[in-house]
Amino acid sequence: FDVKKNKFTGTLPIELTYLRNASLISLNENSLSGTISREFGELTLLTSFELAFNKLSGTIPSSLLKAPSIKILDLDSNNLIGTIPIDSDVTQNIVTMNFRNNKLSGTIPSEI
């Protein structure tokens, strides 16, 4: 599901979590707001989740980093707060994590 570089507004639709067979969800460069639901981390076939350059807020759900197939997690340039939720349960498949240009705080987890 790739709709990057459009002019979508409103909140990140929870209905996207119904795309159980999706390997890609890319909504980069829109004007989406609201929070990222933990249900996105339950998409077992999702390999790339890209939400960069939106207006998303809230924290990064730890379920995203534990999704079994996730390789790319791009949350660049939003308004996310809190810490990077990494612990020993993080999937080893992740190749790219991009959290730059947010309002994250705390320490960088040693597991990275």
PDB file of N, CA and C in Angstrom:
ATOM      1  N   PHE A   1       0.863  -1.165   0.000  1.00  0.00           N
ATOM      2  CA  PHE A   1       0.000   0.000   0.000  1.00  0.00           C
ATOM      3  C   PHE A   1       0.902   1.218   0.000  1.00  0.00           C
ATOM      4  N   ASP A   2       0.984   1.892  -1.126  1.00  0.00           N
ATOM      5  CA  ASP A   2       1.916   3.010  -1.270  1.00  0.00           C
ATOM      6  C   ASP A   2       1.163   4.248  -1.756  1.00  0.00           C
ATOM      7  N   VAL A   3       1.014   5.228  -0.869  1.00  0.00           N
ATOM      8  CA  VAL A   3       0.351   6.484  -1.226  1.00  0.00           C
ATOM      9  C   VAL A   3       1.191   7.683  -0.781  1.00  0.00           C
ATOM     10  N   LYS A   4       2.494   7.536  -0.866  1.00  0.00           N
ATOM     11  CA  LYS A   4       3.364   8.630  -0.448  1.00  0.00           C
ATOM     12  C   LYS A   4       3.257   9.806  -1.417  1.00  0.00           C
ATOM     13  N   LYS A   5       3.654  10.976  -0.914  1.00  0.00           N
ATOM     14  CA  LYS A   5       3.685  12.220  -1.685  1.00  0.00           C
ATOM     15  C   LYS A   5       2.319  12.602  -2.233  1.00  0.00           C
ATOM     16  N   ASN A   6       1.327  12.585  -1.382  1.00  0.00           N
ATOM     17  CA  ASN A   6       0.003  13.069  -1.728  1.00  0.00           C
ATOM     18  C   ASN A   6      -0.359  14.193  -0.771  1.00  0.00           C
ATOM     19  N   LYS A   7      -1.617  14.477  -0.651  1.00  0.00           N
ATOM     20  CA  LYS A   7      -2.059  15.547   0.246  1.00  0.00           C
ATOM     21  C   LYS A   7      -3.100  15.022   1.222  1.00  0.00           C
ATOM     22  N   PHE A   8      -2.915  13.776   1.681  1.00  0.00           N
ATOM     23  CA  PHE A   8      -3.850  13.199   2.640  1.00  0.00           C
ATOM     24  C   PHE A   8      -3.735  13.904   3.985  1.00  0.00           C
ATOM     25  N   THR A   9      -4.878  14.146   4.599  1.00  0.00           N
ATOM     26  CA  THR A   9      -4.941  14.780   5.908  1.00  0.00           C
ATOM     27  C   THR A   9      -5.757  13.887   6.838  1.00  0.00           C
ATOM     28  N   GLY A  10      -5.880  14.318   8.072  1.00  0.00           N
ATOM     29  CA  GLY A  10      -6.637  13.550   9.056  1.00  0.00           C
ATOM     30  C   GLY A  10      -5.723  12.620   9.816  1.00  0.00           C
ATOM     31  N   THR A  11      -6.335  11.727  10.563  1.00  0.00           N
ATOM     32  CA  THR A  11      -5.551  10.801  11.379  1.00  0.00           C
ATOM     33  C   THR A  11      -5.129   9.579  10.578  1.00  0.00           C
ATOM     34  N   LEU A  12      -4.115   8.891  11.089  1.00  0.00           N
ATOM     35  CA  LEU A  12      -3.638   7.652  10.479  1.00  0.00           C
ATOM     36  C   LEU A  12      -4.749   6.618  10.616  1.00  0.00           C
ATOM     37  N   PRO A  13      -5.326   6.150   9.508  1.00  0.00           N
ATOM     38  CA  PRO A  13      -6.490   5.256   9.590  1.00  0.00           C
ATOM     39  C   PRO A  13      -6.167   3.897  10.221  1.00  0.00           C
ATOM     40  N   ILE A  14      -6.866   3.572  11.276  1.00  0.00           N
ATOM     41  CA  ILE A  14      -6.707   2.260  11.923  1.00  0.00           C
ATOM     42  C   ILE A  14      -7.105   1.146  10.969  1.00  0.00           C
ATOM     43  N   GLU A  15      -7.945   1.465  10.003  1.00  0.00           N
ATOM     44  CA  GLU A  15      -8.394   0.469   9.024  1.00  0.00           C
ATOM     45  C   GLU A  15      -7.241  -0.109   8.209  1.00  0.00           C
ATOM     46  N   LEU A  16      -6.122   0.606   8.147  1.00  0.00           N
ATOM     47  CA  LEU A  16      -4.958   0.054   7.441  1.00  0.00           C
ATOM     48  C   LEU A  16      -4.450  -1.217   8.110  1.00  0.00           C
ATOM     49  N   THR A  17      -4.769  -1.413   9.370  1.00  0.00           N
ATOM     50  CA  THR A  17      -4.344  -2.642  10.052  1.00  0.00           C
ATOM     51  C   THR A  17      -5.146  -3.843   9.572  1.00  0.00           C
ATOM     52  N   TYR A  18      -6.183  -3.618   8.784  1.00  0.00           N
ATOM     53  CA  TYR A  18      -6.949  -4.722   8.200  1.00  0.00           C
ATOM     54  C   TYR A  18      -6.221  -5.324   7.003  1.00  0.00           C
ATOM     55  N   LEU A  19      -5.184  -4.663   6.541  1.00  0.00           N
ATOM     56  CA  LEU A  19      -4.411  -5.154   5.391  1.00  0.00           C
ATOM     57  C   LEU A  19      -3.442  -6.240   5.857  1.00  0.00           C
ATOM     58  N   ARG A  20      -3.979  -7.358   6.255  1.00  0.00           N
ATOM     59  CA  ARG A  20      -3.189  -8.432   6.878  1.00  0.00           C
ATOM     60  C   ARG A  20      -2.087  -9.006   5.993  1.00  0.00           C
ATOM     61  N   ASN A  21      -2.218  -8.887   4.671  1.00  0.00           N
ATOM     62  CA  ASN A  21      -1.213  -9.440   3.760  1.00  0.00           C
ATOM     63  C   ASN A  21      -0.257  -8.378   3.236  1.00  0.00           C
ATOM     64  N   ALA A  22      -0.361  -7.162   3.739  1.00  0.00           N
ATOM     65  CA  ALA A  22       0.506  -6.080   3.261  1.00  0.00           C
ATOM     66  C   ALA A  22       1.944  -6.291   3.697  1.00  0.00           C
ATOM     67  N   SER A  23       2.854  -6.108   2.759  1.00  0.00           N
ATOM     68  CA  SER A  23       4.278  -6.137   3.109  1.00  0.00           C
ATOM     69  C   SER A  23       4.833  -4.721   3.184  1.00  0.00           C
ATOM     70  N   LEU A  24       4.134  -3.762   2.555  1.00  0.00           N
ATOM     71  CA  LEU A  24       4.556  -2.368   2.553  1.00  0.00           C
ATOM     72  C   LEU A  24       3.369  -1.474   2.883  1.00  0.00           C
ATOM     73  N   ILE A  25       3.581  -0.557   3.816  1.00  0.00           N
ATOM     74  CA  ILE A  25       2.645   0.543   4.046  1.00  0.00           C
ATOM     75  C   ILE A  25       3.500   1.801   4.016  1.00  0.00           C
ATOM     76  N   SER A  26       3.283   2.615   2.975  1.00  0.00           N
ATOM     77  CA  SER A  26       4.063   3.837   2.810  1.00  0.00           C
ATOM     78  C   SER A  26       3.123   5.023   2.665  1.00  0.00           C
ATOM     79  N   LEU A  27       3.176   5.904   3.659  1.00  0.00           N
ATOM     80  CA  LEU A  27       2.362   7.117   3.687  1.00  0.00           C
ATOM     81  C   LEU A  27       3.257   8.343   3.848  1.00  0.00           C
ATOM     82  N   ASN A  28       4.510   8.227   3.440  1.00  0.00           N
ATOM     83  CA  ASN A  28       5.454   9.339   3.554  1.00  0.00           C
ATOM     84  C   ASN A  28       4.929  10.579   2.841  1.00  0.00           C
ATOM     85  N   GLU A  29       5.304  11.739   3.384  1.00  0.00           N
ATOM     86  CA  GLU A  29       5.057  13.030   2.751  1.00  0.00           C
ATOM     87  C   GLU A  29       3.579  13.307   2.483  1.00  0.00           C
ATOM     88  N   ASN A  30       2.778  13.172   3.524  1.00  0.00           N
ATOM     89  CA  ASN A  30       1.392  13.586   3.523  1.00  0.00           C
ATOM     90  C   ASN A  30       1.224  14.556   4.691  1.00  0.00           C
ATOM     91  N   SER A  31       0.033  14.740   5.174  1.00  0.00           N
ATOM     92  CA  SER A  31      -0.191  15.607   6.339  1.00  0.00           C
ATOM     93  C   SER A  31      -1.023  14.877   7.375  1.00  0.00           C
ATOM     94  N   LEU A  32      -0.667  13.613   7.635  1.00  0.00           N
ATOM     95  CA  LEU A  32      -1.414  12.801   8.582  1.00  0.00           C
ATOM     96  C   LEU A  32      -1.038  13.172  10.013  1.00  0.00           C
ATOM     97  N   SER A  33      -2.023  13.135  10.889  1.00  0.00           N
ATOM     98  CA  SER A  33      -1.810  13.485  12.288  1.00  0.00           C
ATOM     99  C   SER A  33      -2.292  12.344  13.185  1.00  0.00           C
ATOM    100  N   GLY A  34      -2.271  12.594  14.474  1.00  0.00           N
ATOM    101  CA  GLY A  34      -2.699  11.577  15.423  1.00  0.00           C
ATOM    102  C   GLY A  34      -1.553  10.676  15.828  1.00  0.00           C
ATOM    103  N   THR A  35      -1.906   9.545  16.414  1.00  0.00           N
ATOM    104  CA  THR A  35      -0.899   8.624  16.935  1.00  0.00           C
ATOM    105  C   THR A  35      -0.790   7.377  16.067  1.00  0.00           C
ATOM    106  N   ILE A  36       0.255   6.608  16.323  1.00  0.00           N
ATOM    107  CA  ILE A  36       0.467   5.340  15.622  1.00  0.00           C
ATOM    108  C   ILE A  36      -0.062   4.229  16.519  1.00  0.00           C
ATOM    109  N   SER A  37      -1.037   3.497  16.045  1.00  0.00           N
ATOM    110  CA  SER A  37      -1.648   2.430  16.838  1.00  0.00           C
ATOM    111  C   SER A  37      -0.717   1.229  16.967  1.00  0.00           C
ATOM    112  N   ARG A  38      -0.731   0.601  18.137  1.00  0.00           N
ATOM    113  CA  ARG A  38       0.093  -0.597  18.363  1.00  0.00           C
ATOM    114  C   ARG A  38      -0.300  -1.738  17.433  1.00  0.00           C
ATOM    115  N   GLU A  39      -1.528  -1.710  16.888  1.00  0.00           N
ATOM    116  CA  GLU A  39      -1.999  -2.772  16.000  1.00  0.00           C
ATOM    117  C   GLU A  39      -1.167  -2.894  14.729  1.00  0.00           C
ATOM    118  N   PHE A  40      -0.479  -1.837  14.325  1.00  0.00           N
ATOM    119  CA  PHE A  40       0.373  -1.944  13.137  1.00  0.00           C
ATOM    120  C   PHE A  40       1.491  -2.965  13.365  1.00  0.00           C
ATOM    121  N   GLY A  41       1.917  -3.130  14.581  1.00  0.00           N
ATOM    122  CA  GLY A  41       2.942  -4.110  14.902  1.00  0.00           C
ATOM    123  C   GLY A  41       2.453  -5.548  14.837  1.00  0.00           C
ATOM    124  N   GLU A  42       1.151  -5.730  14.691  1.00  0.00           N
ATOM    125  CA  GLU A  42       0.568  -7.072  14.596  1.00  0.00           C
ATOM    126  C   GLU A  42       0.443  -7.549  13.155  1.00  0.00           C
ATOM    127  N   LEU A  43       0.868  -6.733  12.205  1.00  0.00           N
ATOM    128  CA  LEU A  43       0.845  -7.138  10.795  1.00  0.00           C
ATOM    129  C   LEU A  43       2.064  -8.022  10.539  1.00  0.00           C
ATOM    130  N   THR A  44       1.856  -9.307  10.536  1.00  0.00           N
ATOM    131  CA  THR A  44       2.967 -10.264  10.535  1.00  0.00           C
ATOM    132  C   THR A  44       3.762 -10.305   9.233  1.00  0.00           C
ATOM    133  N   LEU A  45       3.203  -9.843   8.123  1.00  0.00           N
ATOM    134  CA  LEU A  45       3.919  -9.860   6.843  1.00  0.00           C
ATOM    135  C   LEU A  45       4.533  -8.505   6.489  1.00  0.00           C
ATOM    136  N   LEU A  46       4.309  -7.500   7.328  1.00  0.00           N
ATOM    137  CA  LEU A  46       4.778  -6.145   7.050  1.00  0.00           C
ATOM    138  C   LEU A  46       6.305  -6.075   7.145  1.00  0.00           C
ATOM    139  N   THR A  47       6.944  -5.712   6.029  1.00  0.00           N
ATOM    140  CA  THR A  47       8.401  -5.585   6.018  1.00  0.00           C
ATOM    141  C   THR A  47       8.852  -4.127   6.017  1.00  0.00           C
ATOM    142  N   SER A  48       8.005  -3.229   5.522  1.00  0.00           N
ATOM    143  CA  SER A  48       8.383  -1.825   5.454  1.00  0.00           C
ATOM    144  C   SER A  48       7.207  -0.951   5.879  1.00  0.00           C
ATOM    145  N   PHE A  49       7.439  -0.130   6.916  1.00  0.00           N
ATOM    146  CA  PHE A  49       6.422   0.770   7.462  1.00  0.00           C
ATOM    147  C   PHE A  49       7.007   2.165   7.428  1.00  0.00           C
ATOM    148  N   GLU A  50       6.482   3.011   6.535  1.00  0.00           N
ATOM    149  CA  GLU A  50       7.068   4.311   6.248  1.00  0.00           C
ATOM    150  C   GLU A  50       6.042   5.420   6.466  1.00  0.00           C
ATOM    151  N   LEU A  51       6.295   6.247   7.471  1.00  0.00           N
ATOM    152  CA  LEU A  51       5.387   7.337   7.818  1.00  0.00           C
ATOM    153  C   LEU A  51       6.119   8.665   7.913  1.00  0.00           C
ATOM    154  N   ALA A  52       7.242   8.807   7.256  1.00  0.00           N
ATOM    155  CA  ALA A  52       8.060  10.009   7.360  1.00  0.00           C
ATOM    156  C   ALA A  52       7.350  11.237   6.808  1.00  0.00           C
ATOM    157  N   PHE A  53       7.702  12.384   7.357  1.00  0.00           N
ATOM    158  CA  PHE A  53       7.217  13.684   6.899  1.00  0.00           C
ATOM    159  C   PHE A  53       5.691  13.795   6.963  1.00  0.00           C
ATOM    160  N   ASN A  54       5.171  13.523   8.143  1.00  0.00           N
ATOM    161  CA  ASN A  54       3.765  13.730   8.454  1.00  0.00           C
ATOM    162  C   ASN A  54       3.704  14.595   9.706  1.00  0.00           C
ATOM    163  N   LYS A  55       2.596  14.551  10.405  1.00  0.00           N
ATOM    164  CA  LYS A  55       2.423  15.335  11.631  1.00  0.00           C
ATOM    165  C   LYS A  55       2.001  14.424  12.781  1.00  0.00           C
ATOM    166  N   LEU A  56       2.540  13.218  12.790  1.00  0.00           N
ATOM    167  CA  LEU A  56       2.156  12.235  13.795  1.00  0.00           C
ATOM    168  C   LEU A  56       2.735  12.613  15.155  1.00  0.00           C
ATOM    169  N   SER A  57       2.002  12.275  16.199  1.00  0.00           N
ATOM    170  CA  SER A  57       2.427  12.599  17.559  1.00  0.00           C
ATOM    171  C   SER A  57       2.310  11.362  18.433  1.00  0.00           C
ATOM    172  N   GLY A  58       2.615  11.527  19.709  1.00  0.00           N
ATOM    173  CA  GLY A  58       2.564  10.399  20.636  1.00  0.00           C
ATOM    174  C   GLY A  58       3.870   9.640  20.634  1.00  0.00           C
ATOM    175  N   THR A  59       3.829   8.443  21.163  1.00  0.00           N
ATOM    176  CA  THR A  59       5.034   7.632  21.296  1.00  0.00           C
ATOM    177  C   THR A  59       5.116   6.582  20.187  1.00  0.00           C
ATOM    178  N   ILE A  60       6.295   5.991  20.068  1.00  0.00           N
ATOM    179  CA  ILE A  60       6.506   4.899  19.111  1.00  0.00           C
ATOM    180  C   ILE A  60       6.060   3.606  19.788  1.00  0.00           C
ATOM    181  N   PRO A  61       5.049   2.920  19.243  1.00  0.00           N
ATOM    182  CA  PRO A  61       4.613   1.660  19.870  1.00  0.00           C
ATOM    183  C   PRO A  61       5.725   0.605  19.819  1.00  0.00           C
ATOM    184  N   SER A  62       5.993  -0.037  20.933  1.00  0.00           N
ATOM    185  CA  SER A  62       7.040  -1.059  20.964  1.00  0.00           C
ATOM    186  C   SER A  62       6.708  -2.222  20.042  1.00  0.00           C
ATOM    187  N   SER A  63       5.425  -2.435  19.772  1.00  0.00           N
ATOM    188  CA  SER A  63       5.020  -3.543  18.898  1.00  0.00           C
ATOM    189  C   SER A  63       5.595  -3.391  17.488  1.00  0.00           C
ATOM    190  N   LEU A  64       5.840  -2.167  17.046  1.00  0.00           N
ATOM    191  CA  LEU A  64       6.410  -1.968  15.709  1.00  0.00           C
ATOM    192  C   LEU A  64       7.796  -2.582  15.594  1.00  0.00           C
ATOM    193  N   LEU A  65       8.580  -2.464  16.653  1.00  0.00           N
ATOM    194  CA  LEU A  65       9.939  -2.994  16.617  1.00  0.00           C
ATOM    195  C   LEU A  65       9.985  -4.491  16.901  1.00  0.00           C
ATOM    196  N   LYS A  66       8.832  -5.053  17.244  1.00  0.00           N
ATOM    197  CA  LYS A  66       8.752  -6.488  17.513  1.00  0.00           C
ATOM    198  C   LYS A  66       8.012  -7.234  16.412  1.00  0.00           C
ATOM    199  N   ALA A  67       7.516  -6.497  15.412  1.00  0.00           N
ATOM    200  CA  ALA A  67       6.807  -7.140  14.302  1.00  0.00           C
ATOM    201  C   ALA A  67       7.752  -8.146  13.644  1.00  0.00           C
ATOM    202  N   PRO A  68       7.302  -9.369  13.433  1.00  0.00           N
ATOM    203  CA  PRO A  68       8.207 -10.441  13.022  1.00  0.00           C
ATOM    204  C   PRO A  68       8.916 -10.256  11.684  1.00  0.00           C
ATOM    205  N   SER A  69       8.321  -9.534  10.749  1.00  0.00           N
ATOM    206  CA  SER A  69       8.921  -9.399   9.419  1.00  0.00           C
ATOM    207  C   SER A  69       9.489  -8.021   9.129  1.00  0.00           C
ATOM    208  N   ILE A  70       9.354  -7.087  10.055  1.00  0.00           N
ATOM    209  CA  ILE A  70       9.740  -5.696   9.786  1.00  0.00           C
ATOM    210  C   ILE A  70      11.227  -5.564   9.493  1.00  0.00           C
ATOM    211  N   LYS A  71      11.553  -4.880   8.410  1.00  0.00           N
ATOM    212  CA  LYS A  71      12.940  -4.613   8.033  1.00  0.00           C
ATOM    213  C   LYS A  71      13.225  -3.114   7.995  1.00  0.00           C
ATOM    214  N   ILE A  72      12.210  -2.323   7.595  1.00  0.00           N
ATOM    215  CA  ILE A  72      12.372  -0.876   7.480  1.00  0.00           C
ATOM    216  C   ILE A  72      11.289  -0.190   8.291  1.00  0.00           C
ATOM    217  N   LEU A  73      11.706   0.682   9.194  1.00  0.00           N
ATOM    218  CA  LEU A  73      10.788   1.470   9.998  1.00  0.00           C
ATOM    219  C   LEU A  73      11.233   2.927   9.878  1.00  0.00           C
ATOM    220  N   ASP A  74      10.469   3.715   9.107  1.00  0.00           N
ATOM    221  CA  ASP A  74      10.846   5.095   8.825  1.00  0.00           C
ATOM    222  C   ASP A  74       9.791   6.040   9.393  1.00  0.00           C
ATOM    223  N   LEU A  75      10.148   6.706  10.485  1.00  0.00           N
ATOM    224  CA  LEU A  75       9.255   7.642  11.162  1.00  0.00           C
ATOM    225  C   LEU A  75       9.865   9.048  11.189  1.00  0.00           C
ATOM    226  N   ASP A  76      10.741   9.332  10.260  1.00  0.00           N
ATOM    227  CA  ASP A  76      11.453  10.601  10.164  1.00  0.00           C
ATOM    228  C   ASP A  76      10.489  11.789  10.092  1.00  0.00           C
ATOM    229  N   SER A  77      10.853  12.877  10.764  1.00  0.00           N
ATOM    230  CA  SER A  77      10.172  14.172  10.645  1.00  0.00           C
ATOM    231  C   SER A  77       8.683  14.136  10.964  1.00  0.00           C
ATOM    232  N   ASN A  78       8.398  13.762  12.198  1.00  0.00           N
ATOM    233  CA  ASN A  78       7.057  13.835  12.761  1.00  0.00           C
ATOM    234  C   ASN A  78       7.171  14.603  14.073  1.00  0.00           C
ATOM    235  N   ASN A  79       6.237  14.404  14.969  1.00  0.00           N
ATOM    236  CA  ASN A  79       6.281  15.048  16.286  1.00  0.00           C
ATOM    237  C   ASN A  79       6.235  13.997  17.390  1.00  0.00           C
ATOM    238  N   LEU A  80       6.936  12.896  17.176  1.00  0.00           N
ATOM    239  CA  LEU A  80       6.914  11.795  18.130  1.00  0.00           C
ATOM    240  C   LEU A  80       7.720  12.148  19.373  1.00  0.00           C
ATOM    241  N   ILE A  81       7.238  11.671  20.518  1.00  0.00           N
ATOM    242  CA  ILE A  81       7.882  11.958  21.803  1.00  0.00           C
ATOM    243  C   ILE A  81       8.218  10.653  22.514  1.00  0.00           C
ATOM    244  N   GLY A  82       8.900  10.777  23.634  1.00  0.00           N
ATOM    245  CA  GLY A  82       9.227   9.603  24.446  1.00  0.00           C
ATOM    246  C   GLY A  82      10.562   9.018  24.048  1.00  0.00           C
ATOM    247  N   THR A  83      10.736   7.760  24.370  1.00  0.00           N
ATOM    248  CA  THR A  83      12.006   7.080  24.115  1.00  0.00           C
ATOM    249  C   THR A  83      11.874   6.122  22.934  1.00  0.00           C
ATOM    250  N   ILE A  84      13.011   5.612  22.487  1.00  0.00           N
ATOM    251  CA  ILE A  84      13.016   4.568  21.464  1.00  0.00           C
ATOM    252  C   ILE A  84      12.749   3.257  22.204  1.00  0.00           C
ATOM    253  N   PRO A  85      11.629   2.587  21.908  1.00  0.00           N
ATOM    254  CA  PRO A  85      11.219   1.410  22.696  1.00  0.00           C
ATOM    255  C   PRO A  85      11.923   0.124  22.293  1.00  0.00           C
ATOM    256  N   ILE A  86      13.194   0.044  22.596  1.00  0.00           N
ATOM    257  CA  ILE A  86      13.963  -1.137  22.218  1.00  0.00           C
ATOM    258  C   ILE A  86      14.354  -1.909  23.468  1.00  0.00           C
ATOM    259  N   ASP A  87      14.106  -3.214  23.403  1.00  0.00           N
ATOM    260  CA  ASP A  87      14.563  -4.107  24.460  1.00  0.00           C
ATOM    261  C   ASP A  87      14.987  -5.419  23.816  1.00  0.00           C
ATOM    262  N   SER A  88      15.172  -6.433  24.570  1.00  0.00           N
ATOM    263  CA  SER A  88      15.682  -7.703  24.035  1.00  0.00           C
ATOM    264  C   SER A  88      14.695  -8.421  23.128  1.00  0.00           C
ATOM    265  N   ASP A  89      13.431  -7.996  23.113  1.00  0.00           N
ATOM    266  CA  ASP A  89      12.429  -8.639  22.256  1.00  0.00           C
ATOM    267  C   ASP A  89      12.354  -8.057  20.852  1.00  0.00           C
ATOM    268  N   VAL A  90      13.182  -7.080  20.549  1.00  0.00           N
ATOM    269  CA  VAL A  90      13.133  -6.451  19.229  1.00  0.00           C
ATOM    270  C   VAL A  90      13.537  -7.469  18.172  1.00  0.00           C
ATOM    271  N   THR A  91      12.806  -7.447  17.055  1.00  0.00           N
ATOM    272  CA  THR A  91      13.126  -8.380  15.986  1.00  0.00           C
ATOM    273  C   THR A  91      14.535  -8.138  15.454  1.00  0.00           C
ATOM    274  N   GLN A  92      15.193  -9.184  15.088  1.00  0.00           N
ATOM    275  CA  GLN A  92      16.546  -9.091  14.553  1.00  0.00           C
ATOM    276  C   GLN A  92      16.538  -8.799  13.054  1.00  0.00           C
ATOM    277  N   ASN A  93      15.340  -8.711  12.442  1.00  0.00           N
ATOM    278  CA  ASN A  93      15.224  -8.483  11.007  1.00  0.00           C
ATOM    279  C   ASN A  93      15.390  -7.025  10.608  1.00  0.00           C
ATOM    280  N   ILE A  94      15.285  -6.113  11.555  1.00  0.00           N
ATOM    281  CA  ILE A  94      15.308  -4.687  11.216  1.00  0.00           C
ATOM    282  C   ILE A  94      16.659  -4.298  10.627  1.00  0.00           C
ATOM    283  N   VAL A  95      16.596  -3.692   9.440  1.00  0.00           N
ATOM    284  CA  VAL A  95      17.790  -3.225   8.745  1.00  0.00           C
ATOM    285  C   VAL A  95      17.917  -1.713   8.882  1.00  0.00           C
ATOM    286  N   THR A  96      16.777  -1.006   8.809  1.00  0.00           N
ATOM    287  CA  THR A  96      16.775   0.446   8.863  1.00  0.00           C
ATOM    288  C   THR A  96      15.730   0.953   9.848  1.00  0.00           C
ATOM    289  N   MET A  97      16.169   1.782  10.797  1.00  0.00           N
ATOM    290  CA  MET A  97      15.263   2.500  11.695  1.00  0.00           C
ATOM    291  C   MET A  97      15.602   3.967  11.562  1.00  0.00           C
ATOM    292  N   ASN A  98      14.641   4.772  11.132  1.00  0.00           N
ATOM    293  CA  ASN A  98      14.869   6.199  10.957  1.00  0.00           C
ATOM    294  C   ASN A  98      13.899   6.962  11.839  1.00  0.00           C
ATOM    295  N   PHE A  99      14.429   7.580  12.888  1.00  0.00           N
ATOM    296  CA  PHE A  99      13.613   8.342  13.831  1.00  0.00           C
ATOM    297  C   PHE A  99      14.020   9.815  13.876  1.00  0.00           C
ATOM    298  N   ARG A 100      14.837  10.271  12.953  1.00  0.00           N
ATOM    299  CA  ARG A 100      15.362  11.636  13.041  1.00  0.00           C
ATOM    300  C   ARG A 100      14.255  12.685  12.914  1.00  0.00           C
ATOM    301  N   ASN A 101      14.563  13.875  13.401  1.00  0.00           N
ATOM    302  CA  ASN A 101      13.654  15.023  13.336  1.00  0.00           C
ATOM    303  C   ASN A 101      12.321  14.782  14.026  1.00  0.00           C
ATOM    304  N   ASN A 102      12.381  14.237  15.229  1.00  0.00           N
ATOM    305  CA  ASN A 102      11.227  14.089  16.099  1.00  0.00           C
ATOM    306  C   ASN A 102      11.561  14.781  17.414  1.00  0.00           C
ATOM    307  N   LYS A 103      10.852  14.467  18.456  1.00  0.00           N
ATOM    308  CA  LYS A 103      11.101  15.063  19.777  1.00  0.00           C
ATOM    309  C   LYS A 103      11.386  13.960  20.794  1.00  0.00           C
ATOM    310  N   LEU A 104      12.147  12.961  20.375  1.00  0.00           N
ATOM    311  CA  LEU A 104      12.468  11.838  21.239  1.00  0.00           C
ATOM    312  C   LEU A 104      13.464  12.263  22.311  1.00  0.00           C
ATOM    313  N   SER A 105      13.468  11.533  23.424  1.00  0.00           N
ATOM    314  CA  SER A 105      14.341  11.878  24.540  1.00  0.00           C
ATOM    315  C   SER A 105      14.872  10.609  25.178  1.00  0.00           C
ATOM    316  N   GLY A 106      15.629  10.784  26.240  1.00  0.00           N
ATOM    317  CA  GLY A 106      16.194   9.635  26.938  1.00  0.00           C
ATOM    318  C   GLY A 106      17.523   9.249  26.358  1.00  0.00           C
ATOM    319  N   THR A 107      17.901   8.015  26.588  1.00  0.00           N
ATOM    320  CA  THR A 107      19.189   7.520  26.074  1.00  0.00           C
ATOM    321  C   THR A 107      18.959   6.637  24.855  1.00  0.00           C
ATOM    322  N   ILE A 108      20.011   6.478  24.083  1.00  0.00           N
ATOM    323  CA  ILE A 108      19.949   5.563  22.950  1.00  0.00           C
ATOM    324  C   ILE A 108      20.160   4.168  23.505  1.00  0.00           C
ATOM    325  N   PRO A 109      19.195   3.261  23.282  1.00  0.00           N
ATOM    326  CA  PRO A 109      19.303   1.915  23.863  1.00  0.00           C
ATOM    327  C   PRO A 109      20.561   1.182  23.420  1.00  0.00           C
ATOM    328  N   SER A 110      21.177   0.484  24.346  1.00  0.00           N
ATOM    329  CA  SER A 110      22.399  -0.251  24.028  1.00  0.00           C
ATOM    330  C   SER A 110      22.148  -1.404  23.073  1.00  0.00           C
ATOM    331  N   GLU A 111      20.902  -1.845  22.937  1.00  0.00           N
ATOM    332  CA  GLU A 111      20.582  -2.950  22.038  1.00  0.00           C
ATOM    333  C   GLU A 111      20.700  -2.576  20.563  1.00  0.00           C
ATOM    334  N   ILE A 112      20.817  -1.291  20.283  1.00  0.00           N
ATOM    335  CA  ILE A 112      20.891  -0.860  18.871  1.00  0.00           C
ATOM    336  C   ILE A 112      22.228  -1.233  18.282  1.00  0.00           C
TER     337      ILE A 112
END
